[in-house]
Amino acid sequence: MDTVKIAVLFYSATGANYQMAQWAADSARAAGAEVRLKKIKESAPQEAIAQNAAWKKNLEAMKDIPEASLDDLEWADGLLFSCPTRYGVIAAQLKAFLDTTGGLWSQGKLANKTVSAMSSAANPHGGQEATLLSLYTQMMHWGCIIVAPGYTDKVTFASGGNPYGTSATVDMEGGIKDDIKDGVSYQARRLVQVTQWLHKGQQ
């Protein structure tokens, strides 16, 4: 089995996407991948964070997780993103990071990587699908190969039914139900498998 490199990159304010990213990283490793779990740099003002106890708590919980860099994108064969929806698009923190990738893109160093994505919102129809599609739009510009879960396994129906990527409904404390864990794990394993197929074909 080919060992492929998967970068699990996430932005998390109150903890949901951090949890999803951890589940994904664990599943990708179990599927035989070499994994980097990295957080997107927080850029929100301290005044905003201070007003939300869950946000403050999650920042402390993530303090030992290294921040994502452009090197992680270049290193990876496959990319798995997780971030909350903000009015139907990706969070500004992740957008700011992606906006620094022009150099890699212009050199063709982002092309032909596999990519998959997950999201969350405070309700089941809070813009998760639009958020994932907006992220995939940028990945198309990079020339990535999108590996969505689709309906390739019945677990998609049990974990929200979103074919574009697993999406979580988050409570006020940032918590999510374990009923999406299987969906996250399947999505990560599928990304590893498809990346292995492509990697093998290039050899």
C-alpha atoms as a PDB file:
ATOM      1  CA  MET A   1       0.000   0.000   0.000  1.00  0.00           C
ATOM      2  CA  ASP A   2       1.322   3.447  -0.922  1.00  0.00           C
ATOM      3  CA  THR A   3       1.943   5.830   1.941  1.00  0.00           C
ATOM      4  CA  VAL A   4       0.413   9.141   0.927  1.00  0.00           C
ATOM      5  CA  LYS A   5       0.688  12.460   2.731  1.00  0.00           C
ATOM      6  CA  ILE A   6      -2.525  14.109   3.948  1.00  0.00           C
ATOM      7  CA  ALA A   7      -2.695  17.596   5.448  1.00  0.00           C
ATOM      8  CA  VAL A   8      -5.754  18.115   7.672  1.00  0.00           C
ATOM      9  CA  LEU A   9      -6.114  21.884   7.920  1.00  0.00           C
ATOM     10  CA  PHE A  10      -8.840  23.419  10.052  1.00  0.00           C
ATOM     11  CA  TYR A  11     -10.141  26.671  11.442  1.00  0.00           C
ATOM     12  CA  SER A  12     -12.154  26.332  14.631  1.00  0.00           C
ATOM     13  CA  ALA A  13     -13.620  29.030  16.846  1.00  0.00           C
ATOM     14  CA  THR A  14     -15.592  27.107  19.458  1.00  0.00           C
ATOM     15  CA  GLY A  15     -14.305  23.576  18.921  1.00  0.00           C
ATOM     16  CA  ALA A  16     -16.540  21.760  16.444  1.00  0.00           C
ATOM     17  CA  ASN A  17     -14.136  21.825  13.525  1.00  0.00           C
ATOM     18  CA  TYR A  18     -11.217  21.011  15.804  1.00  0.00           C
ATOM     19  CA  GLN A  19     -13.060  17.852  16.868  1.00  0.00           C
ATOM     20  CA  MET A  20     -13.919  16.968  13.271  1.00  0.00           C
ATOM     21  CA  ALA A  21     -10.323  17.523  12.187  1.00  0.00           C
ATOM     22  CA  GLN A  22      -9.048  15.249  14.956  1.00  0.00           C
ATOM     23  CA  TRP A  23     -11.440  12.489  13.918  1.00  0.00           C
ATOM     24  CA  ALA A  24     -10.366  12.913  10.298  1.00  0.00           C
ATOM     25  CA  ALA A  25      -6.654  12.875  11.136  1.00  0.00           C
ATOM     26  CA  ASP A  26      -7.036   9.716  13.236  1.00  0.00           C
ATOM     27  CA  SER A  27      -8.950   7.958  10.454  1.00  0.00           C
ATOM     28  CA  ALA A  28      -6.482   9.007   7.767  1.00  0.00           C
ATOM     29  CA  ARG A  29      -3.595   7.635   9.851  1.00  0.00           C
ATOM     30  CA  ALA A  30      -5.502   4.399  10.432  1.00  0.00           C
ATOM     31  CA  ALA A  31      -5.947   4.138   6.653  1.00  0.00           C
ATOM     32  CA  GLY A  32      -2.184   4.256   6.215  1.00  0.00           C
ATOM     33  CA  ALA A  33      -1.521   7.925   5.478  1.00  0.00           C
ATOM     34  CA  GLU A  34       1.160  10.168   6.911  1.00  0.00           C
ATOM     35  CA  VAL A  35      -0.793  13.046   8.422  1.00  0.00           C
ATOM     36  CA  ARG A  36      -0.172  16.624   9.438  1.00  0.00           C
ATOM     37  CA  LEU A  37      -2.897  18.186  11.613  1.00  0.00           C
ATOM     38  CA  LYS A  38      -2.613  21.976  11.477  1.00  0.00           C
ATOM     39  CA  LYS A  39      -4.799  24.861  12.597  1.00  0.00           C
ATOM     40  CA  ILE A  40      -5.427  28.045  10.647  1.00  0.00           C
ATOM     41  CA  LYS A  41      -4.138  31.128  12.447  1.00  0.00           C
ATOM     42  CA  GLU A  42      -6.698  33.020  14.524  1.00  0.00           C
ATOM     43  CA  SER A  43      -7.048  36.641  13.472  1.00  0.00           C
ATOM     44  CA  ALA A  44     -10.185  37.755  15.307  1.00  0.00           C
ATOM     45  CA  PRO A  45      -9.735  40.637  17.773  1.00  0.00           C
ATOM     46  CA  GLN A  46      -9.278  39.680  21.404  1.00  0.00           C
ATOM     47  CA  GLU A  47     -12.323  41.764  22.354  1.00  0.00           C
ATOM     48  CA  ALA A  48     -14.551  39.492  20.279  1.00  0.00           C
ATOM     49  CA  ILE A  49     -12.982  36.310  21.628  1.00  0.00           C
ATOM     50  CA  ALA A  50     -13.243  37.534  25.230  1.00  0.00           C
ATOM     51  CA  GLN A  51     -17.023  37.820  24.900  1.00  0.00           C
ATOM     52  CA  ASN A  52     -17.422  34.118  24.066  1.00  0.00           C
ATOM     53  CA  ALA A  53     -16.444  31.608  26.746  1.00  0.00           C
ATOM     54  CA  ALA A  54     -16.479  28.670  24.312  1.00  0.00           C
ATOM     55  CA  TRP A  55     -14.154  30.517  21.936  1.00  0.00           C
ATOM     56  CA  LYS A  56     -11.682  31.281  24.727  1.00  0.00           C
ATOM     57  CA  LYS A  57     -11.815  27.686  25.970  1.00  0.00           C
ATOM     58  CA  ASN A  58     -11.178  26.269  22.504  1.00  0.00           C
ATOM     59  CA  LEU A  59      -8.197  28.547  21.874  1.00  0.00           C
ATOM     60  CA  GLU A  60      -6.620  27.179  25.033  1.00  0.00           C
ATOM     61  CA  ALA A  61      -7.423  23.590  23.998  1.00  0.00           C
ATOM     62  CA  MET A  62      -5.708  24.105  20.641  1.00  0.00           C
ATOM     63  CA  LYS A  63      -2.606  25.875  21.924  1.00  0.00           C
ATOM     64  CA  ASP A  64      -0.293  22.949  21.167  1.00  0.00           C
ATOM     65  CA  ILE A  65      -1.561  22.437  17.602  1.00  0.00           C
ATOM     66  CA  PRO A  66       0.890  24.037  15.145  1.00  0.00           C
ATOM     67  CA  GLU A  67      -0.345  26.634  12.669  1.00  0.00           C
ATOM     68  CA  ALA A  68      -0.721  25.760   9.006  1.00  0.00           C
ATOM     69  CA  SER A  69       1.891  27.024   6.568  1.00  0.00           C
ATOM     70  CA  LEU A  70       2.360  27.046   2.812  1.00  0.00           C
ATOM     71  CA  ASP A  71       4.871  24.241   3.295  1.00  0.00           C
ATOM     72  CA  ASP A  72       2.028  21.988   4.454  1.00  0.00           C
ATOM     73  CA  LEU A  73       0.183  22.566   1.177  1.00  0.00           C
ATOM     74  CA  GLU A  74       3.268  21.831  -0.903  1.00  0.00           C
ATOM     75  CA  TRP A  75       4.112  18.753   1.189  1.00  0.00           C
ATOM     76  CA  ALA A  76       0.717  17.082   0.959  1.00  0.00           C
ATOM     77  CA  ASP A  77      -0.590  14.720  -1.693  1.00  0.00           C
ATOM     78  CA  GLY A  78      -4.104  15.304  -0.377  1.00  0.00           C
ATOM     79  CA  LEU A  79      -5.800  18.104   1.556  1.00  0.00           C
ATOM     80  CA  LEU A  80      -8.711  17.909   3.976  1.00  0.00           C
ATOM     81  CA  PHE A  81     -10.168  21.219   5.147  1.00  0.00           C
ATOM     82  CA  SER A  82     -12.626  21.820   7.970  1.00  0.00           C
ATOM     83  CA  CYS A  83     -14.095  25.202   8.857  1.00  0.00           C
ATOM     84  CA  PRO A  84     -17.350  26.784   9.995  1.00  0.00           C
ATOM     85  CA  THR A  85     -19.662  28.577   7.620  1.00  0.00           C
ATOM     86  CA  ARG A  86     -19.867  32.364   7.798  1.00  0.00           C
ATOM     87  CA  TYR A  87     -22.968  33.563   5.959  1.00  0.00           C
ATOM     88  CA  GLY A  88     -22.642  30.718   3.464  1.00  0.00           C
ATOM     89  CA  VAL A  89     -18.922  31.103   2.738  1.00  0.00           C
ATOM     90  CA  ILE A  90     -15.728  29.996   4.440  1.00  0.00           C
ATOM     91  CA  ALA A  91     -14.495  31.787   7.557  1.00  0.00           C
ATOM     92  CA  ALA A  92     -12.319  34.848   6.941  1.00  0.00           C
ATOM     93  CA  GLN A  93      -9.372  33.238   8.721  1.00  0.00           C
ATOM     94  CA  LEU A  94      -9.236  30.373   6.225  1.00  0.00           C
ATOM     95  CA  LYS A  95      -9.850  32.716   3.286  1.00  0.00           C
ATOM     96  CA  ALA A  96      -6.919  34.870   4.392  1.00  0.00           C
ATOM     97  CA  PHE A  97      -4.671  31.810   4.475  1.00  0.00           C
ATOM     98  CA  LEU A  98      -5.796  30.645   1.045  1.00  0.00           C
ATOM     99  CA  ASP A  99      -5.180  34.136  -0.330  1.00  0.00           C
ATOM    100  CA  THR A 100      -1.455  33.713   0.407  1.00  0.00           C
ATOM    101  CA  THR A 101      -1.109  30.748  -1.950  1.00  0.00           C
ATOM    102  CA  GLY A 102      -0.594  32.673  -5.199  1.00  0.00           C
ATOM    103  CA  GLY A 103       3.105  31.817  -5.377  1.00  0.00           C
ATOM    104  CA  LEU A 104       2.506  28.085  -5.085  1.00  0.00           C
ATOM    105  CA  TRP A 105      -0.383  28.257  -7.528  1.00  0.00           C
ATOM    106  CA  SER A 106       1.626  30.162 -10.151  1.00  0.00           C
ATOM    107  CA  GLN A 107       4.358  27.515  -9.949  1.00  0.00           C
ATOM    108  CA  GLY A 108       1.850  24.695 -10.411  1.00  0.00           C
ATOM    109  CA  LYS A 109       2.641  23.263  -6.989  1.00  0.00           C
ATOM    110  CA  LEU A 110      -0.994  22.917  -5.962  1.00  0.00           C
ATOM    111  CA  ALA A 111      -2.198  21.108  -9.072  1.00  0.00           C
ATOM    112  CA  ASN A 112      -3.305  17.475  -9.049  1.00  0.00           C
ATOM    113  CA  LYS A 113      -3.644  17.235  -5.288  1.00  0.00           C
ATOM    114  CA  THR A 114      -6.775  15.621  -3.948  1.00  0.00           C
ATOM    115  CA  VAL A 115      -9.018  17.723  -1.734  1.00  0.00           C
ATOM    116  CA  SER A 116     -12.058  17.213   0.459  1.00  0.00           C
ATOM    117  CA  ALA A 117     -13.802  19.513   2.929  1.00  0.00           C
ATOM    118  CA  MET A 118     -16.119  19.606   5.946  1.00  0.00           C
ATOM    119  CA  SER A 119     -18.086  22.388   7.609  1.00  0.00           C
ATOM    120  CA  SER A 120     -20.407  23.320  10.463  1.00  0.00           C
ATOM    121  CA  ALA A 121     -23.123  25.797  11.410  1.00  0.00           C
ATOM    122  CA  ALA A 122     -25.551  26.407  14.250  1.00  0.00           C
ATOM    123  CA  ASN A 123     -28.442  24.755  12.411  1.00  0.00           C
ATOM    124  CA  PRO A 124     -28.869  21.998   9.796  1.00  0.00           C
ATOM    125  CA  HIS A 125     -29.395  24.465   6.931  1.00  0.00           C
ATOM    126  CA  GLY A 126     -27.044  27.252   7.962  1.00  0.00           C
ATOM    127  CA  GLY A 127     -25.054  27.454   4.745  1.00  0.00           C
ATOM    128  CA  GLN A 128     -22.790  24.417   5.007  1.00  0.00           C
ATOM    129  CA  GLU A 129     -23.335  23.303   1.409  1.00  0.00           C
ATOM    130  CA  ALA A 130     -22.675  26.785   0.016  1.00  0.00           C
ATOM    131  CA  THR A 131     -19.560  27.023   2.180  1.00  0.00           C
ATOM    132  CA  LEU A 132     -18.149  23.766   0.841  1.00  0.00           C
ATOM    133  CA  LEU A 133     -18.921  24.722  -2.740  1.00  0.00           C
ATOM    134  CA  SER A 134     -17.214  28.100  -2.277  1.00  0.00           C
ATOM    135  CA  LEU A 135     -14.111  26.348  -0.976  1.00  0.00           C
ATOM    136  CA  TYR A 136     -14.114  23.839  -3.825  1.00  0.00           C
ATOM    137  CA  THR A 137     -14.289  26.737  -6.293  1.00  0.00           C
ATOM    138  CA  GLN A 138     -10.840  27.868  -5.204  1.00  0.00           C
ATOM    139  CA  MET A 139      -9.574  24.307  -5.364  1.00  0.00           C
ATOM    140  CA  MET A 140     -10.707  24.144  -9.007  1.00  0.00           C
ATOM    141  CA  HIS A 141      -8.525  27.161  -9.733  1.00  0.00           C
ATOM    142  CA  TRP A 142      -5.628  25.268  -8.194  1.00  0.00           C
ATOM    143  CA  GLY A 143      -6.302  22.259 -10.432  1.00  0.00           C
ATOM    144  CA  CYS A 144      -7.108  19.965  -7.514  1.00  0.00           C
ATOM    145  CA  ILE A 145      -9.093  16.753  -7.765  1.00  0.00           C
ATOM    146  CA  ILE A 146     -12.181  17.037  -5.559  1.00  0.00           C
ATOM    147  CA  VAL A 147     -12.965  13.927  -3.519  1.00  0.00           C
ATOM    148  CA  ALA A 148     -16.406  14.521  -2.061  1.00  0.00           C
ATOM    149  CA  PRO A 149     -18.097  11.741  -0.073  1.00  0.00           C
ATOM    150  CA  GLY A 150     -21.117  11.833  -2.360  1.00  0.00           C
ATOM    151  CA  TYR A 151     -23.478   8.976  -1.653  1.00  0.00           C
ATOM    152  CA  THR A 152     -20.776   6.337  -2.023  1.00  0.00           C
ATOM    153  CA  ASP A 153     -21.609   4.897   1.397  1.00  0.00           C
ATOM    154  CA  LYS A 154     -24.803   4.799   3.436  1.00  0.00           C
ATOM    155  CA  VAL A 155     -22.975   6.562   6.277  1.00  0.00           C
ATOM    156  CA  THR A 156     -23.510   9.836   4.400  1.00  0.00           C
ATOM    157  CA  PHE A 157     -27.246   9.591   5.040  1.00  0.00           C
ATOM    158  CA  ALA A 158     -26.711   8.856   8.728  1.00  0.00           C
ATOM    159  CA  SER A 159     -24.402  11.841   9.187  1.00  0.00           C
ATOM    160  CA  GLY A 160     -26.509  14.612   7.664  1.00  0.00           C
ATOM    161  CA  GLY A 161     -26.855  13.616   4.020  1.00  0.00           C
ATOM    162  CA  ASN A 162     -24.525  16.270   2.599  1.00  0.00           C
ATOM    163  CA  PRO A 163     -22.789  14.843  -0.509  1.00  0.00           C
ATOM    164  CA  TYR A 164     -20.264  17.685  -0.705  1.00  0.00           C
ATOM    165  CA  GLY A 165     -18.705  16.987   2.693  1.00  0.00           C
ATOM    166  CA  THR A 166     -19.648  16.115   6.250  1.00  0.00           C
ATOM    167  CA  SER A 167     -21.440  18.988   7.963  1.00  0.00           C
ATOM    168  CA  ALA A 168     -22.087  19.354  11.663  1.00  0.00           C
ATOM    169  CA  THR A 169     -24.813  21.150  13.584  1.00  0.00           C
ATOM    170  CA  VAL A 170     -23.203  22.943  16.508  1.00  0.00           C
ATOM    171  CA  ASP A 171     -24.731  23.874  19.863  1.00  0.00           C
ATOM    172  CA  MET A 172     -24.090  27.147  21.691  1.00  0.00           C
ATOM    173  CA  GLU A 173     -21.075  25.686  23.513  1.00  0.00           C
ATOM    174  CA  GLY A 174     -19.463  24.492  20.290  1.00  0.00           C
ATOM    175  CA  GLY A 175     -20.406  20.862  20.814  1.00  0.00           C
ATOM    176  CA  ILE A 176     -21.370  18.420  18.092  1.00  0.00           C
ATOM    177  CA  LYS A 177     -23.056  15.055  18.225  1.00  0.00           C
ATOM    178  CA  ASP A 178     -21.063  11.863  17.739  1.00  0.00           C
ATOM    179  CA  ASP A 179     -23.523  10.808  15.026  1.00  0.00           C
ATOM    180  CA  ILE A 180     -21.354  12.538  12.420  1.00  0.00           C
ATOM    181  CA  LYS A 181     -18.130  10.870  13.551  1.00  0.00           C
ATOM    182  CA  ASP A 182     -18.625   7.934  11.205  1.00  0.00           C
ATOM    183  CA  GLY A 183     -19.219  10.319   8.305  1.00  0.00           C
ATOM    184  CA  VAL A 184     -16.032  12.239   9.062  1.00  0.00           C
ATOM    185  CA  SER A 185     -14.059   9.008   9.356  1.00  0.00           C
ATOM    186  CA  TYR A 186     -15.426   7.659   6.092  1.00  0.00           C
ATOM    187  CA  GLN A 187     -14.676  10.915   4.265  1.00  0.00           C
ATOM    188  CA  ALA A 188     -11.073  10.856   5.490  1.00  0.00           C
ATOM    189  CA  ARG A 189     -10.617   7.212   4.508  1.00  0.00           C
ATOM    190  CA  ARG A 190     -12.095   7.869   1.077  1.00  0.00           C
ATOM    191  CA  LEU A 191      -9.677  10.766   0.554  1.00  0.00           C
ATOM    192  CA  VAL A 192      -6.741   8.535   1.471  1.00  0.00           C
ATOM    193  CA  GLN A 193      -7.952   5.748  -0.806  1.00  0.00           C
ATOM    194  CA  VAL A 194      -8.452   7.964  -3.862  1.00  0.00           C
ATOM    195  CA  THR A 195      -5.120   9.681  -3.218  1.00  0.00           C
ATOM    196  CA  GLN A 196      -3.450   6.261  -3.079  1.00  0.00           C
ATOM    197  CA  TRP A 197      -5.035   5.310  -6.399  1.00  0.00           C
ATOM    198  CA  LEU A 198      -3.750   8.478  -8.051  1.00  0.00           C
ATOM    199  CA  HIS A 199      -0.344   8.198  -6.432  1.00  0.00           C
ATOM    200  CA  LYS A 200       0.041   4.618  -7.630  1.00  0.00           C
ATOM    201  CA  GLY A 201      -0.989   5.566 -11.145  1.00  0.00           C
ATOM    202  CA  GLN A 202       1.709   8.244 -11.340  1.00  0.00           C
ATOM    203  CA  GLN A 203       4.525   5.848 -10.452  1.00  0.00           C
END
